[in-house]
Amino acid sequence: KEQLQFSVYARVCNGNDAVKMHEGRLRASLPPNGSIRLLVVTEKQYQS
């Protein structure tokens, strides 16, 4: 019940501007019959 998807991709972004840029790229390539989930994790959160 907690599993979202088998395919998980990660990208390291240096700063909020890079996150926004990649978010725009994802929005531009949204599948017509599907979804993309974007999760932003800070370095401090990643450390935990």
All heavy atoms as atom14 arrays in JSON, in Angstrom:
{
  "sequence": "KEQLQFSVYARVCNGNDAVKMHEGRLRASLPPNGSIRLLVVTEKQYQS",
  "atom14_mask": [
    [1, 1, 1, 1, 1, 1, 1, 1, 1, 0, 0, 0, 0, 0],
    [1, 1, 1, 1, 1, 1, 1, 1, 1, 0, 0, 0, 0, 0],
    [1, 1, 1, 1, 1, 1, 1, 1, 1, 0, 0, 0, 0, 0],
    [1, 1, 1, 1, 1, 1, 1, 1, 0, 0, 0, 0, 0, 0],
    [1, 1, 1, 1, 1, 1, 1, 1, 1, 0, 0, 0, 0, 0],
    [1, 1, 1, 1, 1, 1, 1, 1, 1, 1, 1, 0, 0, 0],
    [1, 1, 1, 1, 1, 1, 0, 0, 0, 0, 0, 0, 0, 0],
    [1, 1, 1, 1, 1, 1, 1, 0, 0, 0, 0, 0, 0, 0],
    [1, 1, 1, 1, 1, 1, 1, 1, 1, 1, 1, 1, 0, 0],
    [1, 1, 1, 1, 1, 0, 0, 0, 0, 0, 0, 0, 0, 0],
    [1, 1, 1, 1, 1, 1, 1, 1, 1, 1, 1, 0, 0, 0],
    [1, 1, 1, 1, 1, 1, 1, 0, 0, 0, 0, 0, 0, 0],
    [1, 1, 1, 1, 1, 1, 0, 0, 0, 0, 0, 0, 0, 0],
    [1, 1, 1, 1, 1, 1, 1, 1, 0, 0, 0, 0, 0, 0],
    [1, 1, 1, 1, 0, 0, 0, 0, 0, 0, 0, 0, 0, 0],
    [1, 1, 1, 1, 1, 1, 1, 1, 0, 0, 0, 0, 0, 0],
    [1, 1, 1, 1, 1, 1, 1, 1, 0, 0, 0, 0, 0, 0],
    [1, 1, 1, 1, 1, 0, 0, 0, 0, 0, 0, 0, 0, 0],
    [1, 1, 1, 1, 1, 1, 1, 0, 0, 0, 0, 0, 0, 0],
    [1, 1, 1, 1, 1, 1, 1, 1, 1, 0, 0, 0, 0, 0],
    [1, 1, 1, 1, 1, 1, 1, 1, 0, 0, 0, 0, 0, 0],
    [1, 1, 1, 1, 1, 1, 1, 1, 1, 1, 0, 0, 0, 0],
    [1, 1, 1, 1, 1, 1, 1, 1, 1, 0, 0, 0, 0, 0],
    [1, 1, 1, 1, 0, 0, 0, 0, 0, 0, 0, 0, 0, 0],
    [1, 1, 1, 1, 1, 1, 1, 1, 1, 1, 1, 0, 0, 0],
    [1, 1, 1, 1, 1, 1, 1, 1, 0, 0, 0, 0, 0, 0],
    [1, 1, 1, 1, 1, 1, 1, 1, 1, 1, 1, 0, 0, 0],
    [1, 1, 1, 1, 1, 0, 0, 0, 0, 0, 0, 0, 0, 0],
    [1, 1, 1, 1, 1, 1, 0, 0, 0, 0, 0, 0, 0, 0],
    [1, 1, 1, 1, 1, 1, 1, 1, 0, 0, 0, 0, 0, 0],
    [1, 1, 1, 1, 1, 1, 1, 0, 0, 0, 0, 0, 0, 0],
    [1, 1, 1, 1, 1, 1, 1, 0, 0, 0, 0, 0, 0, 0],
    [1, 1, 1, 1, 1, 1, 1, 1, 0, 0, 0, 0, 0, 0],
    [1, 1, 1, 1, 0, 0, 0, 0, 0, 0, 0, 0, 0, 0],
    [1, 1, 1, 1, 1, 1, 0, 0, 0, 0, 0, 0, 0, 0],
    [1, 1, 1, 1, 1, 1, 1, 1, 0, 0, 0, 0, 0, 0],
    [1, 1, 1, 1, 1, 1, 1, 1, 1, 1, 1, 0, 0, 0],
    [1, 1, 1, 1, 1, 1, 1, 1, 0, 0, 0, 0, 0, 0],
    [1, 1, 1, 1, 1, 1, 1, 1, 0, 0, 0, 0, 0, 0],
    [1, 1, 1, 1, 1, 1, 1, 0, 0, 0, 0, 0, 0, 0],
    [1, 1, 1, 1, 1, 1, 1, 0, 0, 0, 0, 0, 0, 0],
    [1, 1, 1, 1, 1, 1, 1, 0, 0, 0, 0, 0, 0, 0],
    [1, 1, 1, 1, 1, 1, 1, 1, 1, 0, 0, 0, 0, 0],
    [1, 1, 1, 1, 1, 1, 1, 1, 1, 0, 0, 0, 0, 0],
    [1, 1, 1, 1, 1, 1, 1, 1, 1, 0, 0, 0, 0, 0],
    [1, 1, 1, 1, 1, 1, 1, 1, 1, 1, 1, 1, 0, 0],
    [1, 1, 1, 1, 1, 1, 1, 1, 1, 0, 0, 0, 0, 0],
    [1, 1, 1, 1, 1, 1, 0, 0, 0, 0, 0, 0, 0, 0]
  ],
  "atom14_positions": [
    [[0.82, -1.2, 0.0], [0.0, 0.0, 0.0], [0.85, 1.26, 0.0], [0.38, 2.32, -0.32], [-0.93, 0.0, 1.2], [-1.99, -1.07, 1.11], [-2.9, -1.04, 2.3], [-3.92, -2.15, 2.18], [-4.77, -2.25, 3.34], [0.0, 0.0, 0.0], [0.0, 0.0, 0.0], [0.0, 0.0, 0.0], [0.0, 0.0, 0.0], [0.0, 0.0, 0.0]],
    [[2.12, 1.15, 0.39], [3.0, 2.31, 0.45], [3.84, 2.47, -0.8], [4.45, 3.49, -0.99], [3.92, 2.19, 1.67], [3.15, 2.13, 2.97], [4.04, 1.8, 4.14], [5.26, 2.05, 4.05], [3.53, 1.28, 5.12], [0.0, 0.0, 0.0], [0.0, 0.0, 0.0], [0.0, 0.0, 0.0], [0.0, 0.0, 0.0], [0.0, 0.0, 0.0]],
    [[3.88, 1.46, -1.64], [4.73, 1.51, -2.82], [4.08, 2.37, -3.89], [2.94, 2.15, -4.28], [4.97, 0.11, -3.35], [5.91, 0.07, -4.52], [6.2, -1.35, -4.95], [5.6, -2.29, -4.47], [7.1, -1.49, -5.88], [0.0, 0.0, 0.0], [0.0, 0.0, 0.0], [0.0, 0.0, 0.0], [0.0, 0.0, 0.0], [0.0, 0.0, 0.0]],
    [[4.81, 3.37, -4.35], [4.28, 4.25, -5.39], [4.53, 3.7, -6.77], [3.65, 3.71, -7.62], [4.91, 5.63, -5.27], [4.55, 6.43, -4.03], [5.3, 7.75, -4.02], [3.06, 6.68, -3.98], [0.0, 0.0, 0.0], [0.0, 0.0, 0.0], [0.0, 0.0, 0.0], [0.0, 0.0, 0.0], [0.0, 0.0, 0.0], [0.0, 0.0, 0.0]],
    [[5.75, 3.23, -7.02], [6.11, 2.82, -8.36], [7.4, 2.03, -8.31], [8.23, 2.21, -7.44], [6.28, 4.06, -9.23], [6.5, 3.78, -10.68], [6.52, 5.06, -11.5], [6.04, 6.08, -11.06], [7.08, 4.98, -12.68], [0.0, 0.0, 0.0], [0.0, 0.0, 0.0], [0.0, 0.0, 0.0], [0.0, 0.0, 0.0], [0.0, 0.0, 0.0]],
    [[7.58, 1.14, -9.28], [8.82, 0.37, -9.36], [9.98, 1.22, -9.85], [11.1, 1.05, -9.43], [8.65, -0.83, -10.28], [7.82, -1.92, -9.68], [6.56, -2.18, -10.15], [8.3, -2.68, -8.63], [5.8, -3.19, -9.6], [7.55, -3.68, -8.07], [6.28, -3.94, -8.55], [0.0, 0.0, 0.0], [0.0, 0.0, 0.0], [0.0, 0.0, 0.0]],
    [[9.74, 2.15, -10.75], [10.8, 2.96, -11.33], [10.98, 4.24, -10.52], [10.07, 5.05, -10.41], [10.48, 3.34, -12.78], [10.33, 2.17, -13.54], [0.0, 0.0, 0.0], [0.0, 0.0, 0.0], [0.0, 0.0, 0.0], [0.0, 0.0, 0.0], [0.0, 0.0, 0.0], [0.0, 0.0, 0.0], [0.0, 0.0, 0.0], [0.0, 0.0, 0.0]],
    [[12.16, 4.42, -9.98], [12.48, 5.62, -9.21], [13.78, 6.19, -9.76], [14.75, 5.47, -9.94], [12.65, 5.3, -7.71], [13.04, 6.53, -6.94], [11.37, 4.7, -7.14], [0.0, 0.0, 0.0], [0.0, 0.0, 0.0], [0.0, 0.0, 0.0], [0.0, 0.0, 0.0], [0.0, 0.0, 0.0], [0.0, 0.0, 0.0], [0.0, 0.0, 0.0]],
    [[13.77, 7.47, -10.05], [14.95, 8.14, -10.59], [15.35, 9.25, -9.64], [14.51, 9.88, -9.0], [14.65, 8.72, -11.98], [14.19, 7.66, -12.95], [12.84, 7.38, -13.11], [15.11, 6.93, -13.68], [12.41, 6.4, -13.99], [14.69, 5.95, -14.57], [13.34, 5.69, -14.71], [12.92, 4.71, -15.57], [0.0, 0.0, 0.0], [0.0, 0.0, 0.0]],
    [[16.63, 9.52, -9.56], [17.13, 10.56, -8.66], [18.04, 11.51, -9.42], [18.72, 11.12, -10.37], [17.9, 9.92, -7.51], [0.0, 0.0, 0.0], [0.0, 0.0, 0.0], [0.0, 0.0, 0.0], [0.0, 0.0, 0.0], [0.0, 0.0, 0.0], [0.0, 0.0, 0.0], [0.0, 0.0, 0.0], [0.0, 0.0, 0.0], [0.0, 0.0, 0.0]],
    [[18.04, 12.75, -8.99], [18.91, 13.76, -9.57], [19.36, 14.68, -8.44], [18.55, 15.14, -7.66], [18.2, 14.57, -10.64], [19.07, 15.71, -11.18], [18.36, 16.51, -12.23], [18.26, 15.81, -13.49], [19.23, 15.81, -14.41], [20.34, 16.45, -14.22], [19.05, 15.17, -15.55], [0.0, 0.0, 0.0], [0.0, 0.0, 0.0], [0.0, 0.0, 0.0]],
    [[20.64, 14.94, -8.38], [21.18, 15.88, -7.4], [21.12, 17.27, -8.02], [21.6, 17.49, -9.13], [22.63, 15.52, -7.03], [23.21, 16.55, -6.09], [22.69, 14.13, -6.41], [0.0, 0.0, 0.0], [0.0, 0.0, 0.0], [0.0, 0.0, 0.0], [0.0, 0.0, 0.0], [0.0, 0.0, 0.0], [0.0, 0.0, 0.0], [0.0, 0.0, 0.0]],
    [[20.5, 18.21, -7.31], [20.4, 19.59, -7.78], [21.09, 20.5, -6.78], [20.92, 20.35, -5.58], [18.93, 20.01, -7.89], [18.02, 19.13, -9.15], [0.0, 0.0, 0.0], [0.0, 0.0, 0.0], [0.0, 0.0, 0.0], [0.0, 0.0, 0.0], [0.0, 0.0, 0.0], [0.0, 0.0, 0.0], [0.0, 0.0, 0.0], [0.0, 0.0, 0.0]],
    [[21.86, 21.42, -7.3], [22.55, 22.4, -6.45], [21.7, 23.66, -6.33], [21.86, 24.59, -7.11], [23.93, 22.73, -7.01], [24.86, 21.54, -6.94], [24.83, 20.79, -5.98], [25.67, 21.36, -7.97], [0.0, 0.0, 0.0], [0.0, 0.0, 0.0], [0.0, 0.0, 0.0], [0.0, 0.0, 0.0], [0.0, 0.0, 0.0], [0.0, 0.0, 0.0]],
    [[20.8, 23.66, -5.39], [20.0, 24.85, -5.14], [18.59, 24.78, -5.7], [18.26, 23.94, -6.53], [0.0, 0.0, 0.0], [0.0, 0.0, 0.0], [0.0, 0.0, 0.0], [0.0, 0.0, 0.0], [0.0, 0.0, 0.0], [0.0, 0.0, 0.0], [0.0, 0.0, 0.0], [0.0, 0.0, 0.0], [0.0, 0.0, 0.0], [0.0, 0.0, 0.0]],
    [[17.77, 25.7, -5.22], [16.36, 25.76, -5.59], [16.15, 26.11, -7.06], [15.2, 25.66, -7.68], [15.65, 26.76, -4.7], [14.37, 26.21, -4.13], [14.11, 25.02, -4.24], [13.58, 27.07, -3.53], [0.0, 0.0, 0.0], [0.0, 0.0, 0.0], [0.0, 0.0, 0.0], [0.0, 0.0, 0.0], [0.0, 0.0, 0.0], [0.0, 0.0, 0.0]],
    [[17.03, 26.93, -7.63], [16.9, 27.29, -9.04], [17.02, 26.06, -9.94], [16.26, 25.9, -10.9], [17.95, 28.33, -9.44], [17.7, 29.68, -8.8], [16.54, 29.94, -8.39], [18.65, 30.48, -8.71], [0.0, 0.0, 0.0], [0.0, 0.0, 0.0], [0.0, 0.0, 0.0], [0.0, 0.0, 0.0], [0.0, 0.0, 0.0], [0.0, 0.0, 0.0]],
    [[17.96, 25.17, -9.61], [18.13, 23.95, -10.39], [16.92, 23.04, -10.23], [16.49, 22.39, -11.19], [19.4, 23.22, -9.97], [0.0, 0.0, 0.0], [0.0, 0.0, 0.0], [0.0, 0.0, 0.0], [0.0, 0.0, 0.0], [0.0, 0.0, 0.0], [0.0, 0.0, 0.0], [0.0, 0.0, 0.0], [0.0, 0.0, 0.0], [0.0, 0.0, 0.0]],
    [[16.35, 22.99, -9.03], [15.15, 22.18, -8.8], [14.02, 22.7, -9.68], [13.33, 21.92, -10.35], [14.73, 22.22, -7.31], [13.36, 21.58, -7.12], [15.76, 21.52, -6.44], [0.0, 0.0, 0.0], [0.0, 0.0, 0.0], [0.0, 0.0, 0.0], [0.0, 0.0, 0.0], [0.0, 0.0, 0.0], [0.0, 0.0, 0.0], [0.0, 0.0, 0.0]],
    [[13.81, 24.01, -9.71], [12.75, 24.6, -10.52], [12.96, 24.33, -12.01], [12.01, 24.07, -12.75], [12.63, 26.11, -10.27], [12.18, 26.45, -8.87], [10.79, 25.93, -8.62], [10.34, 26.28, -7.22], [9.13, 25.56, -6.83], [0.0, 0.0, 0.0], [0.0, 0.0, 0.0], [0.0, 0.0, 0.0], [0.0, 0.0, 0.0], [0.0, 0.0, 0.0]],
    [[14.22, 24.37, -12.47], [14.52, 24.11, -13.87], [14.14, 22.67, -14.23], [13.47, 22.43, -15.25], [16.0, 24.33, -14.16], [16.39, 24.05, -15.6], [18.15, 24.15, -15.92], [18.75, 22.74, -15.02], [0.0, 0.0, 0.0], [0.0, 0.0, 0.0], [0.0, 0.0, 0.0], [0.0, 0.0, 0.0], [0.0, 0.0, 0.0], [0.0, 0.0, 0.0]],
    [[14.52, 21.72, -13.39], [14.22, 20.32, -13.68], [12.73, 20.03, -13.52], [12.18, 19.19, -14.23], [15.08, 19.4, -12.82], [16.52, 19.44, -13.22], [16.96, 18.97, -14.45], [17.61, 19.89, -12.59], [18.26, 19.15, -14.54], [18.68, 19.71, -13.42], [0.0, 0.0, 0.0], [0.0, 0.0, 0.0], [0.0, 0.0, 0.0], [0.0, 0.0, 0.0]],
    [[12.07, 20.74, -12.61], [10.63, 20.6, -12.48], [9.95, 21.03, -13.79], [9.01, 20.37, -14.26], [10.1, 21.44, -11.32], [8.6, 21.36, -11.16], [8.07, 22.25, -10.05], [8.87, 22.83, -9.29], [6.84, 22.38, -9.96], [0.0, 0.0, 0.0], [0.0, 0.0, 0.0], [0.0, 0.0, 0.0], [0.0, 0.0, 0.0], [0.0, 0.0, 0.0]],
    [[10.42, 22.11, -14.37], [9.88, 22.56, -15.66], [10.08, 21.54, -16.75], [9.19, 21.31, -17.58], [0.0, 0.0, 0.0], [0.0, 0.0, 0.0], [0.0, 0.0, 0.0], [0.0, 0.0, 0.0], [0.0, 0.0, 0.0], [0.0, 0.0, 0.0], [0.0, 0.0, 0.0], [0.0, 0.0, 0.0], [0.0, 0.0, 0.0], [0.0, 0.0, 0.0]],
    [[11.24, 20.89, -16.77], [11.5, 19.84, -17.77], [10.55, 18.67, -17.59], [10.06, 18.09, -18.56], [12.94, 19.36, -17.67], [13.95, 20.36, -18.15], [15.35, 19.82, -18.03], [16.32, 20.81, -18.47], [17.62, 20.66, -18.35], [18.12, 19.57, -17.8], [18.44, 21.61, -18.77], [0.0, 0.0, 0.0], [0.0, 0.0, 0.0], [0.0, 0.0, 0.0]],
    [[10.3, 18.3, -16.31], [9.37, 17.21, -16.06], [7.96, 17.57, -16.51], [7.26, 16.77, -17.12], [9.37, 16.85, -14.57], [10.61, 16.14, -14.05], [10.56, 16.03, -12.53], [10.76, 14.77, -14.68], [0.0, 0.0, 0.0], [0.0, 0.0, 0.0], [0.0, 0.0, 0.0], [0.0, 0.0, 0.0], [0.0, 0.0, 0.0], [0.0, 0.0, 0.0]],
    [[7.54, 18.79, -16.2], [6.19, 19.24, -16.6], [6.05, 19.22, -18.12], [4.99, 18.9, -18.65], [5.91, 20.63, -16.06], [5.67, 20.66, -14.58], [5.29, 22.06, -14.1], [5.13, 22.1, -12.66], [4.05, 21.69, -12.01], [3.02, 21.22, -12.68], [3.99, 21.76, -10.69], [0.0, 0.0, 0.0], [0.0, 0.0, 0.0], [0.0, 0.0, 0.0]],
    [[7.13, 19.55, -18.82], [7.09, 19.57, -20.29], [6.99, 18.16, -20.88], [6.57, 18.01, -22.03], [8.33, 20.27, -20.83], [0.0, 0.0, 0.0], [0.0, 0.0, 0.0], [0.0, 0.0, 0.0], [0.0, 0.0, 0.0], [0.0, 0.0, 0.0], [0.0, 0.0, 0.0], [0.0, 0.0, 0.0], [0.0, 0.0, 0.0], [0.0, 0.0, 0.0]],
    [[7.37, 17.15, -20.11], [7.35, 15.78, -20.65], [6.37, 14.88, -19.91], [6.56, 13.67, -19.85], [8.75, 15.18, -20.61], [9.21, 15.12, -19.27], [0.0, 0.0, 0.0], [0.0, 0.0, 0.0], [0.0, 0.0, 0.0], [0.0, 0.0, 0.0], [0.0, 0.0, 0.0], [0.0, 0.0, 0.0], [0.0, 0.0, 0.0], [0.0, 0.0, 0.0]],
    [[5.31, 15.47, -19.34], [4.3, 14.66, -18.65], [3.65, 13.67, -19.61], [3.29, 14.04, -20.73], [3.2, 15.56, -18.06], [3.56, 16.31, -16.79], [2.46, 17.31, -16.45], [3.78, 15.36, -15.64], [0.0, 0.0, 0.0], [0.0, 0.0, 0.0], [0.0, 0.0, 0.0], [0.0, 0.0, 0.0], [0.0, 0.0, 0.0], [0.0, 0.0, 0.0]],
    [[3.49, 12.42, -19.18], [2.83, 11.45, -20.05], [1.33, 11.74, -20.11], [0.74, 12.19, -19.13], [3.09, 10.1, -19.35], [3.35, 10.45, -17.93], [3.96, 11.82, -17.93], [0.0, 0.0, 0.0], [0.0, 0.0, 0.0], [0.0, 0.0, 0.0], [0.0, 0.0, 0.0], [0.0, 0.0, 0.0], [0.0, 0.0, 0.0], [0.0, 0.0, 0.0]],
    [[0.68, 11.49, -21.27], [-0.75, 11.8, -21.4], [-1.61, 10.95, -20.46], [-2.61, 11.42, -19.96], [-1.06, 11.51, -22.86], [0.08, 10.72, -23.38], [1.26, 10.98, -22.5], [0.0, 0.0, 0.0], [0.0, 0.0, 0.0], [0.0, 0.0, 0.0], [0.0, 0.0, 0.0], [0.0, 0.0, 0.0], [0.0, 0.0, 0.0], [0.0, 0.0, 0.0]],
    [[-1.23, 9.71, -20.23], [-2.0, 8.81, -19.37], [-1.11, 8.28, -18.24], [-0.82, 7.1, -18.17], [-2.56, 7.63, -20.16], [-3.56, 8.06, -21.19], [-4.4, 8.92, -20.9], [-3.47, 7.52, -22.38], [0.0, 0.0, 0.0], [0.0, 0.0, 0.0], [0.0, 0.0, 0.0], [0.0, 0.0, 0.0], [0.0, 0.0, 0.0], [0.0, 0.0, 0.0]],
    [[-0.68, 9.15, -17.39], [0.19, 8.74, -16.3], [0.49, 9.91, -15.41], [-0.15, 10.96, -15.49], [0.0, 0.0, 0.0], [0.0, 0.0, 0.0], [0.0, 0.0, 0.0], [0.0, 0.0, 0.0], [0.0, 0.0, 0.0], [0.0, 0.0, 0.0], [0.0, 0.0, 0.0], [0.0, 0.0, 0.0], [0.0, 0.0, 0.0], [0.0, 0.0, 0.0]],
    [[1.48, 9.73, -14.56], [1.84, 10.82, -13.66], [3.32, 10.74, -13.32], [3.95, 9.7, -13.46], [1.01, 10.74, -12.37], [1.3, 9.55, -11.67], [0.0, 0.0, 0.0], [0.0, 0.0, 0.0], [0.0, 0.0, 0.0], [0.0, 0.0, 0.0], [0.0, 0.0, 0.0], [0.0, 0.0, 0.0], [0.0, 0.0, 0.0], [0.0, 0.0, 0.0]],
    [[3.85, 11.85, -12.87], [5.22, 11.94, -12.38], [5.12, 12.53, -10.98], [4.42, 13.52, -10.77], [6.09, 12.85, -13.27], [6.24, 12.24, -14.66], [7.45, 13.08, -12.63], [6.99, 13.12, -15.65], [0.0, 0.0, 0.0], [0.0, 0.0, 0.0], [0.0, 0.0, 0.0], [0.0, 0.0, 0.0], [0.0, 0.0, 0.0], [0.0, 0.0, 0.0]],
    [[5.8, 11.93, -10.04], [5.85, 12.45, -8.69], [7.23, 13.03, -8.44], [8.23, 12.37, -8.69], [5.52, 11.36, -7.68], [4.07, 10.94, -7.73], [3.86, 9.63, -6.99], [2.47, 9.27, -6.93], [1.81, 8.65, -7.89], [2.42, 8.34, -9.01], [0.54, 8.33, -7.75], [0.0, 0.0, 0.0], [0.0, 0.0, 0.0], [0.0, 0.0, 0.0]],
    [[7.28, 14.25, -7.96], [8.54, 14.94, -7.69], [8.67, 15.13, -6.19], [7.78, 15.68, -5.55], [8.55, 16.3, -8.39], [9.71, 17.23, -8.07], [11.03, 16.64, -8.58], [9.47, 18.6, -8.68], [0.0, 0.0, 0.0], [0.0, 0.0, 0.0], [0.0, 0.0, 0.0], [0.0, 0.0, 0.0], [0.0, 0.0, 0.0], [0.0, 0.0, 0.0]],
    [[9.75, 14.65, -5.64], [10.03, 14.79, -4.21], [11.35, 15.51, -4.06], [12.37, 15.03, -4.56], [10.09, 13.42, -3.53], [10.52, 13.4, -2.07], [9.47, 14.1, -1.2], [10.74, 11.98, -1.6], [0.0, 0.0, 0.0], [0.0, 0.0, 0.0], [0.0, 0.0, 0.0], [0.0, 0.0, 0.0], [0.0, 0.0, 0.0], [0.0, 0.0, 0.0]],
    [[11.35, 16.63, -3.38], [12.57, 17.39, -3.14], [13.0, 17.13, -1.7], [12.21, 17.32, -0.78], [12.34, 18.9, -3.38], [13.61, 19.68, -3.08], [11.88, 19.14, -4.81], [0.0, 0.0, 0.0], [0.0, 0.0, 0.0], [0.0, 0.0, 0.0], [0.0, 0.0, 0.0], [0.0, 0.0, 0.0], [0.0, 0.0, 0.0], [0.0, 0.0, 0.0]],
    [[14.22, 16.68, -1.54], [14.77, 16.37, -0.23], [16.0, 17.24, -0.01], [16.89, 17.27, -0.85], [15.17, 14.87, -0.14], [15.77, 14.54, 1.2], [13.98, 13.99, -0.44], [0.0, 0.0, 0.0], [0.0, 0.0, 0.0], [0.0, 0.0, 0.0], [0.0, 0.0, 0.0], [0.0, 0.0, 0.0], [0.0, 0.0, 0.0], [0.0, 0.0, 0.0]],
    [[16.03, 17.93, 1.12], [17.19, 18.76, 1.43], [18.35, 17.88, 1.9], [18.16, 16.71, 2.24], [16.87, 19.77, 2.54], [16.61, 19.05, 3.76], [15.69, 20.65, 2.18], [0.0, 0.0, 0.0], [0.0, 0.0, 0.0], [0.0, 0.0, 0.0], [0.0, 0.0, 0.0], [0.0, 0.0, 0.0], [0.0, 0.0, 0.0], [0.0, 0.0, 0.0]],
    [[19.54, 18.44, 1.9], [20.71, 17.68, 2.34], [20.54, 17.21, 3.78], [20.87, 16.08, 4.12], [21.97, 18.53, 2.21], [23.23, 17.75, 2.49], [24.49, 18.52, 2.17], [24.42, 19.56, 1.48], [25.55, 18.1, 2.62], [0.0, 0.0, 0.0], [0.0, 0.0, 0.0], [0.0, 0.0, 0.0], [0.0, 0.0, 0.0], [0.0, 0.0, 0.0]],
    [[19.99, 18.06, 4.63], [19.79, 17.69, 6.03], [18.8, 16.53, 6.15], [19.0, 15.6, 6.95], [19.29, 18.89, 6.82], [19.2, 18.64, 8.3], [19.01, 19.92, 9.08], [19.02, 19.6, 10.54], [20.04, 20.27, 11.27], [0.0, 0.0, 0.0], [0.0, 0.0, 0.0], [0.0, 0.0, 0.0], [0.0, 0.0, 0.0], [0.0, 0.0, 0.0]],
    [[17.74, 16.54, 5.35], [16.79, 15.43, 5.36], [17.44, 14.16, 4.84], [17.22, 13.07, 5.38], [15.56, 15.77, 4.52], [14.7, 16.86, 5.13], [13.66, 17.37, 4.16], [13.89, 17.45, 2.95], [12.5, 17.76, 4.68], [0.0, 0.0, 0.0], [0.0, 0.0, 0.0], [0.0, 0.0, 0.0], [0.0, 0.0, 0.0], [0.0, 0.0, 0.0]],
    [[18.25, 14.28, 3.8], [18.93, 13.12, 3.22], [19.86, 12.48, 4.24], [19.99, 11.26, 4.3], [19.71, 13.54, 1.98], [20.35, 12.38, 1.25], [19.6, 11.59, 0.39], [21.69, 12.08, 1.43], [20.17, 10.52, -0.28], [22.27, 11.02, 0.76], [21.51, 10.24, -0.08], [22.08, 9.19, -0.73], [0.0, 0.0, 0.0], [0.0, 0.0, 0.0]],
    [[20.49, 13.29, 5.08], [21.41, 12.78, 6.09], [20.7, 11.91, 7.12], [21.33, 11.08, 7.77], [22.13, 13.92, 6.79], [23.14, 14.63, 5.93], [23.72, 15.87, 6.6], [23.32, 16.25, 7.68], [24.66, 16.51, 5.92], [0.0, 0.0, 0.0], [0.0, 0.0, 0.0], [0.0, 0.0, 0.0], [0.0, 0.0, 0.0], [0.0, 0.0, 0.0]],
    [[19.39, 12.08, 7.27], [18.67, 11.3, 8.27], [18.07, 10.0, 7.72], [17.3, 9.33, 8.4], [17.56, 12.15, 8.9], [16.56, 12.44, 7.94], [0.0, 0.0, 0.0], [0.0, 0.0, 0.0], [0.0, 0.0, 0.0], [0.0, 0.0, 0.0], [0.0, 0.0, 0.0], [0.0, 0.0, 0.0], [0.0, 0.0, 0.0], [0.0, 0.0, 0.0]]
  ]
}
